Amino acid sequence: MARTHQTPEFEIEVAGEPYVWRLQRRPGWSSDTAGWRGMAIAVRHREGQREAVIEFPPGKQPRFGAPELKPSQIAPGLIAKAIASAVAAGWEPLSRGKTVAIVVDETGA
C-alpha cells in the first residue's frame, strides 16, 4: 500500500479567530523565476474553505549543507502578523472562491 505524504497543519488564533496553516513552500532555488524564492505558507480559517497563500521574500541563501527549514522553526508571531496582513489586504477567509496569493515583507506586514 502506498503511503501518502501529508504536510502537518498547525493551529493559531489571530484576533480571536481560529486559523490553520501549513508550510506550502520552503525557501529555495527556482528555475521559473531564475533565482532564489522565499517560503510560502497556506492559511485557512478553521471553519472556512478559502485558502490564502502568503509569500515571504527570499532573504539570504543558506550555506551549503544547512538543514531545511521546518515548520516548527517558524515563529508563531510571524505567522499571526502575516495572517492579519492578509485579512487587512482584503482576504475574506469565510467566503468561497479561489485561493488568494498575498506577498508580505520579511516581518509579515
C-alpha atoms as a PDB file:
ATOM      1  CA  MET A   1       0.000   0.000   0.000  1.00  0.00           C
ATOM      2  CA  ALA A   2       1.348   3.415  -0.924  1.00  0.00           C
ATOM      3  CA  ARG A   3       1.999   5.950   1.767  1.00  0.00           C
ATOM      4  CA  THR A   4       0.701   9.461   1.308  1.00  0.00           C
ATOM      5  CA  HIS A   5       2.847  12.347   2.421  1.00  0.00           C
ATOM      6  CA  GLN A   6       0.805  14.816   4.411  1.00  0.00           C
ATOM      7  CA  THR A   7       2.137  18.171   5.456  1.00  0.00           C
ATOM      8  CA  PRO A   8       1.440  18.862   9.127  1.00  0.00           C
ATOM      9  CA  GLU A   9      -1.032  21.635   9.870  1.00  0.00           C
ATOM     10  CA  PHE A  10      -0.756  23.959  12.845  1.00  0.00           C
ATOM     11  CA  GLU A  11      -3.471  25.910  14.616  1.00  0.00           C
ATOM     12  CA  ILE A  12      -3.130  29.565  15.556  1.00  0.00           C
ATOM     13  CA  GLU A  13      -5.522  32.203  16.832  1.00  0.00           C
ATOM     14  CA  VAL A  14      -5.414  35.686  15.321  1.00  0.00           C
ATOM     15  CA  ALA A  15      -7.731  38.459  16.557  1.00  0.00           C
ATOM     16  CA  GLY A  16      -9.884  35.863  18.313  1.00  0.00           C
ATOM     17  CA  GLU A  17     -10.388  33.776  15.138  1.00  0.00           C
ATOM     18  CA  PRO A  18      -9.028  30.215  14.734  1.00  0.00           C
ATOM     19  CA  TYR A  19      -6.831  29.543  11.682  1.00  0.00           C
ATOM     20  CA  VAL A  20      -4.971  26.511  10.383  1.00  0.00           C
ATOM     21  CA  TRP A  21      -1.669  26.939   8.494  1.00  0.00           C
ATOM     22  CA  ARG A  22       0.953  24.764   6.845  1.00  0.00           C
ATOM     23  CA  LEU A  23       4.293  25.328   5.156  1.00  0.00           C
ATOM     24  CA  GLN A  24       3.444  25.434   1.440  1.00  0.00           C
ATOM     25  CA  ARG A  25       6.943  26.060   0.066  1.00  0.00           C
ATOM     26  CA  ARG A  26      10.382  26.100   1.637  1.00  0.00           C
ATOM     27  CA  PRO A  27      12.895  28.747   0.578  1.00  0.00           C
ATOM     28  CA  GLY A  28      14.873  27.510  -2.401  1.00  0.00           C
ATOM     29  CA  TRP A  29      16.193  27.940  -5.881  1.00  0.00           C
ATOM     30  CA  SER A  30      13.642  28.187  -8.667  1.00  0.00           C
ATOM     31  CA  SER A  31      14.372  27.923 -12.356  1.00  0.00           C
ATOM     32  CA  ASP A  32      10.967  29.501 -13.064  1.00  0.00           C
ATOM     33  CA  THR A  33      12.000  32.830 -11.596  1.00  0.00           C
ATOM     34  CA  ALA A  34      15.712  32.275 -12.275  1.00  0.00           C
ATOM     35  CA  GLY A  35      16.550  32.978  -8.687  1.00  0.00           C
ATOM     36  CA  TRP A  36      16.028  32.357  -5.025  1.00  0.00           C
ATOM     37  CA  ARG A  37      12.424  32.220  -3.734  1.00  0.00           C
ATOM     38  CA  GLY A  38      11.217  32.689  -0.195  1.00  0.00           C
ATOM     39  CA  MET A  39       8.954  30.475   1.858  1.00  0.00           C
ATOM     40  CA  ALA A  40       5.187  30.444   1.463  1.00  0.00           C
ATOM     41  CA  ILE A  41       2.515  29.354   3.899  1.00  0.00           C
ATOM     42  CA  ALA A  42      -1.051  28.268   3.158  1.00  0.00           C
ATOM     43  CA  VAL A  43      -3.667  29.520   5.615  1.00  0.00           C
ATOM     44  CA  ARG A  44      -7.389  28.950   6.049  1.00  0.00           C
ATOM     45  CA  HIS A  45      -9.971  29.708   8.700  1.00  0.00           C
ATOM     46  CA  ARG A  46     -10.799  26.595  10.706  1.00  0.00           C
ATOM     47  CA  GLU A  47     -14.473  26.784   9.653  1.00  0.00           C
ATOM     48  CA  GLY A  48     -13.759  28.110   6.156  1.00  0.00           C
ATOM     49  CA  GLN A  49     -12.578  26.579   2.910  1.00  0.00           C
ATOM     50  CA  ARG A  50     -10.930  29.514   1.125  1.00  0.00           C
ATOM     51  CA  GLU A  51      -7.168  29.497   1.425  1.00  0.00           C
ATOM     52  CA  ALA A  52      -4.608  32.231   1.161  1.00  0.00           C
ATOM     53  CA  VAL A  53      -1.020  31.549   0.170  1.00  0.00           C
ATOM     54  CA  ILE A  54       1.196  34.078   1.907  1.00  0.00           C
ATOM     55  CA  GLU A  55       4.586  34.514   0.243  1.00  0.00           C
ATOM     56  CA  PHE A  56       7.628  35.897   2.013  1.00  0.00           C
ATOM     57  CA  PRO A  57      10.681  37.492   0.339  1.00  0.00           C
ATOM     58  CA  PRO A  58      13.701  35.279  -0.379  1.00  0.00           C
ATOM     59  CA  GLY A  59      16.065  36.511   2.319  1.00  0.00           C
ATOM     60  CA  LYS A  60      19.653  35.344   2.320  1.00  0.00           C
ATOM     61  CA  GLN A  61      20.620  31.973   0.890  1.00  0.00           C
ATOM     62  CA  PRO A  62      21.559  29.339   3.463  1.00  0.00           C
ATOM     63  CA  ARG A  63      25.053  27.937   3.381  1.00  0.00           C
ATOM     64  CA  PHE A  64      25.631  24.690   1.532  1.00  0.00           C
ATOM     65  CA  GLY A  65      24.566  21.665   3.564  1.00  0.00           C
ATOM     66  CA  ALA A  66      22.417  23.625   6.013  1.00  0.00           C
ATOM     67  CA  PRO A  67      19.320  21.761   7.268  1.00  0.00           C
ATOM     68  CA  GLU A  68      15.983  22.538   5.621  1.00  0.00           C
ATOM     69  CA  LEU A  69      13.504  24.880   7.245  1.00  0.00           C
ATOM     70  CA  LYS A  70      10.975  23.074   9.434  1.00  0.00           C
ATOM     71  CA  PRO A  71       7.523  24.486  10.203  1.00  0.00           C
ATOM     72  CA  SER A  72       8.234  24.278  13.933  1.00  0.00           C
ATOM     73  CA  GLN A  73      11.130  26.741  13.435  1.00  0.00           C
ATOM     74  CA  ILE A  74       8.811  29.498  12.180  1.00  0.00           C
ATOM     75  CA  ALA A  75       7.850  31.980  14.895  1.00  0.00           C
ATOM     76  CA  PRO A  76       4.115  31.991  15.704  1.00  0.00           C
ATOM     77  CA  GLY A  77       4.240  35.802  15.919  1.00  0.00           C
ATOM     78  CA  LEU A  78       5.413  35.983  12.304  1.00  0.00           C
ATOM     79  CA  ILE A  79       2.557  33.723  11.180  1.00  0.00           C
ATOM     80  CA  ALA A  80      -0.015  35.726  13.166  1.00  0.00           C
ATOM     81  CA  LYS A  81       1.209  39.022  11.721  1.00  0.00           C
ATOM     82  CA  ALA A  82       1.168  37.609   8.174  1.00  0.00           C
ATOM     83  CA  ILE A  83      -2.417  36.356   8.612  1.00  0.00           C
ATOM     84  CA  ALA A  84      -3.505  39.747   9.976  1.00  0.00           C
ATOM     85  CA  SER A  85      -1.832  41.410   6.966  1.00  0.00           C
ATOM     86  CA  ALA A  86      -3.657  39.067   4.574  1.00  0.00           C
ATOM     87  CA  VAL A  87      -7.026  39.922   6.137  1.00  0.00           C
ATOM     88  CA  ALA A  88      -6.164  43.636   6.006  1.00  0.00           C
ATOM     89  CA  ALA A  89      -5.235  43.250   2.320  1.00  0.00           C
ATOM     90  CA  GLY A  90      -8.741  42.006   1.540  1.00  0.00           C
ATOM     91  CA  TRP A  91      -8.665  38.235   2.026  1.00  0.00           C
ATOM     92  CA  GLU A  92     -12.054  37.066   3.280  1.00  0.00           C
ATOM     93  CA  PRO A  93     -11.359  33.683   4.913  1.00  0.00           C
ATOM     94  CA  LEU A  94     -15.003  32.683   5.359  1.00  0.00           C
ATOM     95  CA  SER A  95     -16.013  33.448   1.768  1.00  0.00           C
ATOM     96  CA  ARG A  96     -15.927  30.983  -1.111  1.00  0.00           C
ATOM     97  CA  GLY A  97     -13.638  31.244  -4.088  1.00  0.00           C
ATOM     98  CA  LYS A  98     -10.184  30.648  -5.433  1.00  0.00           C
ATOM     99  CA  THR A  99      -7.033  30.653  -3.381  1.00  0.00           C
ATOM    100  CA  VAL A 100      -5.620  34.147  -2.909  1.00  0.00           C
ATOM    101  CA  ALA A 101      -1.882  34.857  -3.155  1.00  0.00           C
ATOM    102  CA  ILE A 102      -0.577  37.637  -0.923  1.00  0.00           C
ATOM    103  CA  VAL A 103       3.013  38.870  -0.707  1.00  0.00           C
ATOM    104  CA  VAL A 104       4.306  40.232   2.603  1.00  0.00           C
ATOM    105  CA  ASP A 105       7.691  41.515   3.747  1.00  0.00           C
ATOM    106  CA  GLU A 106      10.115  39.600   5.968  1.00  0.00           C
ATOM    107  CA  THR A 107       8.295  40.794   9.113  1.00  0.00           C
ATOM    108  CA  GLY A 108       4.899  39.558   7.875  1.00  0.00           C
ATOM    109  CA  ALA A 109       3.488  43.041   7.325  1.00  0.00           C
END
